[in-house]
N, C-alpha and C. Protein backbone atom coordinates (compact mmCIF):
# COMPACT_ATOMS: atom_id res chain seq x y z
N LEU A 1 -25.23 54.80 94.67
CA LEU A 1 -26.59 55.29 94.79
C LEU A 1 -26.66 56.80 94.60
N ASN A 2 -25.66 57.50 95.17
CA ASN A 2 -25.64 58.95 94.97
C ASN A 2 -25.49 59.30 93.48
N GLN A 3 -24.64 58.51 92.81
CA GLN A 3 -24.45 58.77 91.38
C GLN A 3 -25.75 58.48 90.61
N GLU A 4 -26.46 57.41 91.01
CA GLU A 4 -27.73 57.11 90.37
C GLU A 4 -28.74 58.24 90.61
N ASP A 5 -28.78 58.76 91.86
CA ASP A 5 -29.69 59.88 92.15
C ASP A 5 -29.33 61.10 91.31
N THR A 6 -28.02 61.39 91.21
CA THR A 6 -27.57 62.54 90.41
C THR A 6 -27.96 62.33 88.95
N LEU A 7 -27.71 61.10 88.45
CA LEU A 7 -28.04 60.80 87.06
C LEU A 7 -29.55 60.92 86.83
N ALA A 8 -30.36 60.40 87.75
CA ALA A 8 -31.82 60.50 87.63
C ALA A 8 -32.24 61.96 87.63
N SER A 9 -31.63 62.79 88.47
CA SER A 9 -31.95 64.21 88.54
C SER A 9 -31.58 64.90 87.22
N GLU A 10 -30.39 64.58 86.67
CA GLU A 10 -29.97 65.17 85.39
C GLU A 10 -30.89 64.75 84.25
N MET A 11 -31.33 63.49 84.26
CA MET A 11 -32.23 63.01 83.21
C MET A 11 -33.58 63.73 83.31
N THR A 12 -34.05 63.96 84.55
CA THR A 12 -35.32 64.68 84.74
C THR A 12 -35.19 66.10 84.21
N GLU A 13 -34.07 66.77 84.52
CA GLU A 13 -33.83 68.13 84.01
C GLU A 13 -33.78 68.13 82.49
N ARG A 14 -33.15 67.11 81.92
CA ARG A 14 -33.04 67.02 80.46
C ARG A 14 -34.43 66.83 79.83
N LEU A 15 -35.28 66.01 80.45
CA LEU A 15 -36.64 65.82 79.95
C LEU A 15 -37.42 67.13 80.02
N ASP A 16 -37.21 67.91 81.11
CA ASP A 16 -37.87 69.21 81.23
C ASP A 16 -37.42 70.14 80.09
N VAL A 17 -36.13 70.17 79.79
CA VAL A 17 -35.59 71.00 78.70
C VAL A 17 -36.17 70.54 77.37
N ASP A 18 -36.20 69.19 77.16
CA ASP A 18 -36.76 68.67 75.90
C ASP A 18 -38.23 69.06 75.76
N SER A 19 -38.98 68.99 76.86
CA SER A 19 -40.39 69.35 76.84
C SER A 19 -40.56 70.84 76.50
N GLN A 20 -39.74 71.71 77.11
CA GLN A 20 -39.80 73.13 76.82
C GLN A 20 -39.41 73.42 75.38
N THR A 21 -38.43 72.67 74.88
CA THR A 21 -38.00 72.84 73.49
C THR A 21 -39.14 72.48 72.54
N GLU A 22 -39.85 71.40 72.86
CA GLU A 22 -40.98 70.99 72.01
C GLU A 22 -42.08 72.05 72.04
N VAL A 23 -42.36 72.63 73.21
CA VAL A 23 -43.37 73.68 73.31
C VAL A 23 -42.97 74.87 72.44
N ILE A 24 -41.69 75.27 72.55
CA ILE A 24 -41.20 76.40 71.74
C ILE A 24 -41.30 76.07 70.27
N SER A 25 -40.93 74.85 69.89
CA SER A 25 -41.01 74.44 68.50
C SER A 25 -42.45 74.49 67.99
N ASN A 26 -43.40 74.04 68.81
CA ASN A 26 -44.81 74.10 68.42
C ASN A 26 -45.28 75.54 68.27
N GLN A 27 -44.81 76.42 69.17
CA GLN A 27 -45.18 77.84 69.07
C GLN A 27 -44.61 78.45 67.79
N GLU A 28 -43.38 78.08 67.45
CA GLU A 28 -42.77 78.58 66.21
C GLU A 28 -43.57 78.10 65.00
N ASP A 29 -43.99 76.82 65.01
CA ASP A 29 -44.80 76.30 63.90
C ASP A 29 -46.12 77.06 63.77
N THR A 30 -46.76 77.31 64.92
CA THR A 30 -48.03 78.05 64.91
C THR A 30 -47.82 79.45 64.36
N LEU A 31 -46.76 80.11 64.81
CA LEU A 31 -46.47 81.47 64.34
C LEU A 31 -46.19 81.47 62.84
N ALA A 32 -45.43 80.50 62.36
CA ALA A 32 -45.14 80.42 60.92
C ALA A 32 -46.43 80.22 60.13
N SER A 33 -47.34 79.38 60.65
CA SER A 33 -48.62 79.15 59.98
C SER A 33 -49.45 80.43 59.93
N GLU A 34 -49.49 81.16 61.06
CA GLU A 34 -50.25 82.42 61.11
C GLU A 34 -49.65 83.46 60.16
N MET A 35 -48.34 83.50 60.06
CA MET A 35 -47.69 84.45 59.15
C MET A 35 -48.01 84.10 57.70
N THR A 36 -48.03 82.81 57.39
CA THR A 36 -48.38 82.38 56.03
C THR A 36 -49.81 82.77 55.69
N GLU A 37 -50.74 82.55 56.64
CA GLU A 37 -52.12 82.95 56.42
C GLU A 37 -52.21 84.46 56.20
N ARG A 38 -51.48 85.23 56.98
CA ARG A 38 -51.51 86.68 56.86
C ARG A 38 -50.99 87.11 55.48
N LEU A 39 -49.93 86.45 55.01
CA LEU A 39 -49.40 86.77 53.69
C LEU A 39 -50.43 86.45 52.61
N ASP A 40 -51.18 85.36 52.80
CA ASP A 40 -52.24 85.03 51.83
C ASP A 40 -53.31 86.11 51.82
N VAL A 41 -53.72 86.58 53.00
CA VAL A 41 -54.73 87.64 53.09
C VAL A 41 -54.20 88.92 52.43
N ASP A 42 -52.95 89.27 52.72
CA ASP A 42 -52.36 90.47 52.12
C ASP A 42 -52.33 90.36 50.60
N SER A 43 -51.99 89.19 50.10
CA SER A 43 -51.93 88.97 48.65
C SER A 43 -53.32 89.13 48.03
N GLN A 44 -54.32 88.55 48.67
CA GLN A 44 -55.69 88.67 48.16
C GLN A 44 -56.16 90.11 48.22
N THR A 45 -55.81 90.82 49.29
CA THR A 45 -56.17 92.23 49.40
C THR A 45 -55.55 93.04 48.28
N GLU A 46 -54.30 92.75 47.95
CA GLU A 46 -53.64 93.47 46.86
C GLU A 46 -54.33 93.19 45.53
N VAL A 47 -54.74 91.95 45.31
CA VAL A 47 -55.46 91.61 44.07
C VAL A 47 -56.76 92.41 44.00
N ILE A 48 -57.50 92.46 45.11
CA ILE A 48 -58.76 93.20 45.14
C ILE A 48 -58.52 94.69 44.88
N LEU A 49 -57.48 95.25 45.50
CA LEU A 49 -57.18 96.67 45.28
C LEU A 49 -56.82 96.94 43.83
N ASN A 50 -56.07 96.03 43.22
CA ASN A 50 -55.73 96.20 41.80
C ASN A 50 -56.98 96.13 40.93
N GLN A 51 -57.90 95.22 41.26
CA GLN A 51 -59.15 95.13 40.51
C GLN A 51 -59.97 96.40 40.67
N GLU A 52 -59.97 96.94 41.89
CA GLU A 52 -60.70 98.17 42.14
C GLU A 52 -60.11 99.34 41.34
N ASP A 53 -58.78 99.42 41.29
CA ASP A 53 -58.12 100.47 40.49
C ASP A 53 -58.49 100.33 39.02
N THR A 54 -58.46 99.11 38.52
CA THR A 54 -58.80 98.87 37.11
C THR A 54 -60.24 99.27 36.84
N LEU A 55 -61.14 98.88 37.74
CA LEU A 55 -62.55 99.21 37.57
C LEU A 55 -62.76 100.72 37.60
N ALA A 56 -62.09 101.42 38.50
CA ALA A 56 -62.22 102.88 38.57
C ALA A 56 -61.72 103.52 37.28
N TYR A 57 -60.61 103.01 36.73
CA TYR A 57 -60.08 103.53 35.47
C TYR A 57 -61.09 103.31 34.33
N GLU A 58 -61.65 102.09 34.27
CA GLU A 58 -62.62 101.78 33.22
C GLU A 58 -63.87 102.65 33.35
N MET A 59 -64.30 102.90 34.59
CA MET A 59 -65.47 103.75 34.79
C MET A 59 -65.18 105.19 34.34
N THR A 60 -63.99 105.67 34.61
CA THR A 60 -63.61 107.02 34.16
C THR A 60 -63.64 107.10 32.64
N GLU A 61 -63.09 106.08 31.97
CA GLU A 61 -63.13 106.05 30.51
C GLU A 61 -64.57 106.03 30.02
N GLN A 62 -65.42 105.24 30.67
CA GLN A 62 -66.83 105.15 30.26
C GLN A 62 -67.53 106.49 30.44
N LEU A 63 -67.23 107.19 31.54
CA LEU A 63 -67.84 108.50 31.76
C LEU A 63 -67.39 109.49 30.67
N ASP A 64 -66.12 109.39 30.25
CA ASP A 64 -65.65 110.24 29.16
C ASP A 64 -66.43 109.95 27.88
N VAL A 65 -66.64 108.67 27.59
CA VAL A 65 -67.40 108.28 26.39
C VAL A 65 -68.83 108.81 26.49
N ASP A 66 -69.45 108.67 27.67
CA ASP A 66 -70.81 109.17 27.87
C ASP A 66 -70.88 110.67 27.61
N SER A 67 -69.93 111.41 28.15
CA SER A 67 -69.90 112.86 27.99
C SER A 67 -69.78 113.26 26.52
N GLN A 68 -68.88 112.58 25.81
CA GLN A 68 -68.69 112.89 24.39
C GLN A 68 -69.94 112.54 23.59
N THR A 69 -70.58 111.44 23.93
CA THR A 69 -71.79 111.02 23.22
C THR A 69 -72.90 112.06 23.41
N VAL A 70 -73.06 112.55 24.64
CA VAL A 70 -74.08 113.57 24.91
C VAL A 70 -73.79 114.83 24.09
N LYS A 71 -72.53 115.24 24.04
CA LYS A 71 -72.17 116.43 23.27
C LYS A 71 -72.49 116.24 21.79
N VAL A 72 -72.16 115.06 21.26
CA VAL A 72 -72.43 114.79 19.84
C VAL A 72 -73.92 114.86 19.57
N ILE A 73 -74.72 114.21 20.43
CA ILE A 73 -76.17 114.20 20.22
C ILE A 73 -76.73 115.61 20.32
N LEU A 74 -76.29 116.40 21.30
CA LEU A 74 -76.78 117.77 21.44
C LEU A 74 -76.39 118.62 20.23
N ASN A 75 -75.16 118.44 19.76
CA ASN A 75 -74.74 119.19 18.56
C ASN A 75 -75.58 118.79 17.35
N GLN A 76 -75.86 117.50 17.23
CA GLN A 76 -76.66 117.05 16.09
C GLN A 76 -78.10 117.53 16.19
N GLU A 77 -78.63 117.60 17.43
CA GLU A 77 -79.97 118.14 17.61
C GLU A 77 -80.01 119.62 17.21
N ASP A 78 -78.97 120.37 17.59
CA ASP A 78 -78.89 121.78 17.21
C ASP A 78 -78.82 121.91 15.69
N THR A 79 -77.99 121.06 15.07
CA THR A 79 -77.85 121.09 13.61
C THR A 79 -79.19 120.75 12.94
N LEU A 80 -79.86 119.74 13.48
CA LEU A 80 -81.15 119.33 12.93
C LEU A 80 -82.16 120.46 13.01
N ALA A 81 -82.21 121.13 14.16
CA ALA A 81 -83.15 122.24 14.33
C ALA A 81 -82.84 123.37 13.34
N SER A 82 -81.55 123.66 13.18
CA SER A 82 -81.13 124.72 12.26
C SER A 82 -81.51 124.36 10.82
N GLU A 83 -81.25 123.12 10.43
CA GLU A 83 -81.56 122.70 9.06
C GLU A 83 -83.06 122.67 8.81
N MET A 84 -83.84 122.30 9.83
CA MET A 84 -85.29 122.29 9.67
C MET A 84 -85.81 123.70 9.42
N THR A 85 -85.21 124.70 10.10
CA THR A 85 -85.63 126.09 9.93
C THR A 85 -85.27 126.61 8.54
N VAL A 86 -84.13 126.19 8.02
CA VAL A 86 -83.63 126.69 6.73
C VAL A 86 -84.40 126.10 5.56
N GLN A 87 -84.89 124.89 5.67
CA GLN A 87 -85.56 124.22 4.55
C GLN A 87 -86.83 124.97 4.15
N LEU A 88 -87.00 125.20 2.83
CA LEU A 88 -88.20 125.90 2.34
C LEU A 88 -89.19 124.93 1.72
N ASP A 89 -88.69 123.93 1.08
CA ASP A 89 -89.55 122.98 0.38
C ASP A 89 -90.04 121.93 1.38
N VAL A 90 -91.35 121.75 1.51
CA VAL A 90 -91.92 120.83 2.49
C VAL A 90 -91.50 119.40 2.21
N ASP A 91 -91.52 118.95 0.95
CA ASP A 91 -91.16 117.57 0.63
C ASP A 91 -89.68 117.32 0.95
N SER A 92 -88.83 118.27 0.54
CA SER A 92 -87.40 118.14 0.80
C SER A 92 -87.15 118.17 2.31
N GLN A 93 -87.86 119.07 2.98
CA GLN A 93 -87.71 119.20 4.44
C GLN A 93 -88.09 117.89 5.14
N THR A 94 -89.14 117.25 4.72
CA THR A 94 -89.59 115.99 5.33
C THR A 94 -88.55 114.90 5.16
N GLU A 95 -87.97 114.79 3.97
CA GLU A 95 -86.97 113.74 3.73
C GLU A 95 -85.70 113.97 4.55
N VAL A 96 -85.26 115.23 4.63
CA VAL A 96 -84.07 115.56 5.43
C VAL A 96 -84.32 115.21 6.89
N ILE A 97 -85.47 115.60 7.38
CA ILE A 97 -85.80 115.32 8.79
C ILE A 97 -85.84 113.82 9.04
N SER A 98 -86.43 113.08 8.11
CA SER A 98 -86.52 111.63 8.26
C SER A 98 -85.13 111.00 8.35
N ASN A 99 -84.23 111.44 7.48
CA ASN A 99 -82.86 110.90 7.51
C ASN A 99 -82.15 111.26 8.81
N GLN A 100 -82.33 112.49 9.25
CA GLN A 100 -81.68 112.90 10.49
C GLN A 100 -82.27 112.18 11.70
N GLU A 101 -83.57 111.93 11.67
CA GLU A 101 -84.19 111.18 12.76
C GLU A 101 -83.64 109.75 12.81
N ASP A 102 -83.44 109.16 11.63
CA ASP A 102 -82.84 107.81 11.60
C ASP A 102 -81.44 107.83 12.21
N THR A 103 -80.65 108.82 11.83
CA THR A 103 -79.29 108.94 12.37
C THR A 103 -79.34 109.17 13.88
N LEU A 104 -80.23 110.06 14.31
CA LEU A 104 -80.36 110.36 15.73
C LEU A 104 -80.83 109.11 16.50
N ALA A 105 -81.78 108.37 15.93
CA ALA A 105 -82.26 107.15 16.59
C ALA A 105 -81.12 106.15 16.74
N SER A 106 -80.30 106.05 15.70
CA SER A 106 -79.15 105.14 15.76
C SER A 106 -78.18 105.56 16.86
N GLU A 107 -77.92 106.86 16.93
CA GLU A 107 -77.01 107.36 17.95
C GLU A 107 -77.61 107.21 19.36
N MET A 108 -78.90 107.37 19.47
CA MET A 108 -79.54 107.17 20.78
C MET A 108 -79.46 105.70 21.19
N THR A 109 -79.59 104.80 20.22
CA THR A 109 -79.44 103.37 20.51
C THR A 109 -78.02 103.08 21.01
N GLU A 110 -77.03 103.69 20.36
CA GLU A 110 -75.65 103.54 20.82
C GLU A 110 -75.50 104.09 22.25
N ARG A 111 -76.18 105.18 22.53
CA ARG A 111 -76.13 105.78 23.87
C ARG A 111 -76.72 104.81 24.90
N LEU A 112 -77.82 104.17 24.53
CA LEU A 112 -78.43 103.19 25.45
C LEU A 112 -77.46 102.03 25.69
N ASP A 113 -76.72 101.62 24.66
CA ASP A 113 -75.72 100.56 24.82
C ASP A 113 -74.64 101.01 25.80
N VAL A 114 -74.19 102.26 25.69
CA VAL A 114 -73.16 102.80 26.59
C VAL A 114 -73.69 102.82 28.02
N ASP A 115 -74.95 103.27 28.18
CA ASP A 115 -75.56 103.30 29.53
C ASP A 115 -75.64 101.89 30.11
N SER A 116 -75.97 100.91 29.26
CA SER A 116 -76.05 99.52 29.72
C SER A 116 -74.69 99.03 30.18
N GLN A 117 -73.64 99.38 29.44
CA GLN A 117 -72.29 98.99 29.83
C GLN A 117 -71.90 99.66 31.14
N THR A 118 -72.30 100.91 31.31
CA THR A 118 -72.01 101.62 32.56
C THR A 118 -72.69 100.92 33.73
N GLU A 119 -73.93 100.48 33.53
CA GLU A 119 -74.64 99.77 34.59
C GLU A 119 -73.94 98.47 34.94
N VAL A 120 -73.43 97.76 33.92
CA VAL A 120 -72.69 96.51 34.18
C VAL A 120 -71.47 96.80 35.03
N ILE A 121 -70.74 97.86 34.70
CA ILE A 121 -69.53 98.21 35.45
C ILE A 121 -69.91 98.58 36.90
N LEU A 122 -71.00 99.36 37.06
CA LEU A 122 -71.42 99.72 38.42
C LEU A 122 -71.83 98.48 39.21
N ASN A 123 -72.48 97.54 38.56
CA ASN A 123 -72.84 96.29 39.25
C ASN A 123 -71.59 95.51 39.65
N GLN A 124 -70.59 95.51 38.76
CA GLN A 124 -69.34 94.83 39.09
C GLN A 124 -68.66 95.49 40.28
N GLU A 125 -68.71 96.82 40.32
CA GLU A 125 -68.08 97.53 41.43
C GLU A 125 -68.82 97.22 42.74
N ASP A 126 -70.16 97.17 42.68
CA ASP A 126 -70.94 96.81 43.87
C ASP A 126 -70.58 95.41 44.35
N THR A 127 -70.46 94.47 43.40
CA THR A 127 -70.10 93.10 43.75
C THR A 127 -68.71 93.08 44.39
N LEU A 128 -67.77 93.79 43.79
CA LEU A 128 -66.41 93.83 44.31
C LEU A 128 -66.38 94.45 45.70
N ALA A 129 -67.13 95.53 45.90
CA ALA A 129 -67.18 96.17 47.21
C ALA A 129 -67.78 95.21 48.24
N SER A 130 -68.81 94.47 47.82
CA SER A 130 -69.43 93.50 48.73
C SER A 130 -68.44 92.40 49.08
N GLU A 131 -67.70 91.92 48.10
CA GLU A 131 -66.72 90.87 48.35
C GLU A 131 -65.61 91.39 49.27
N MET A 132 -65.20 92.63 49.06
CA MET A 132 -64.15 93.21 49.91
C MET A 132 -64.67 93.34 51.34
N THR A 133 -65.93 93.74 51.49
CA THR A 133 -66.52 93.89 52.83
C THR A 133 -66.58 92.54 53.51
N GLU A 134 -67.01 91.51 52.77
CA GLU A 134 -67.05 90.17 53.35
C GLU A 134 -65.64 89.71 53.71
N ARG A 135 -64.70 90.03 52.88
CA ARG A 135 -63.31 89.59 53.11
C ARG A 135 -62.74 90.26 54.36
N LEU A 136 -63.03 91.57 54.50
CA LEU A 136 -62.55 92.30 55.67
C LEU A 136 -63.22 91.75 56.92
């Protein structure tokens, strides 16, 4: 009977150890799951940061294009004004001005296209910032 009591006591202790081991195992599984989720969030954050860097680079390039376009148009306006002053013949002057106005209108249309592309990029950046805010 004493041996049975001892054996019963040892079995109870063993069940307690097994129960604690299962609790620890469950905690390890939970921790592993949380770490995996965190790695997924970190990965998504890195993707968003890379997209933001790319967008910033593209916006810088677009601003450079805008600046150059403005300089070209201003230079052409100066040239047009100078040529208009130099022309003596009214008929010749009218035709030159008409051609330059066509060229200027074409360049202004290109400028509007550049501005439209800039607006698209700014909208994309706003969307990305909104998505990053929601993600955070």
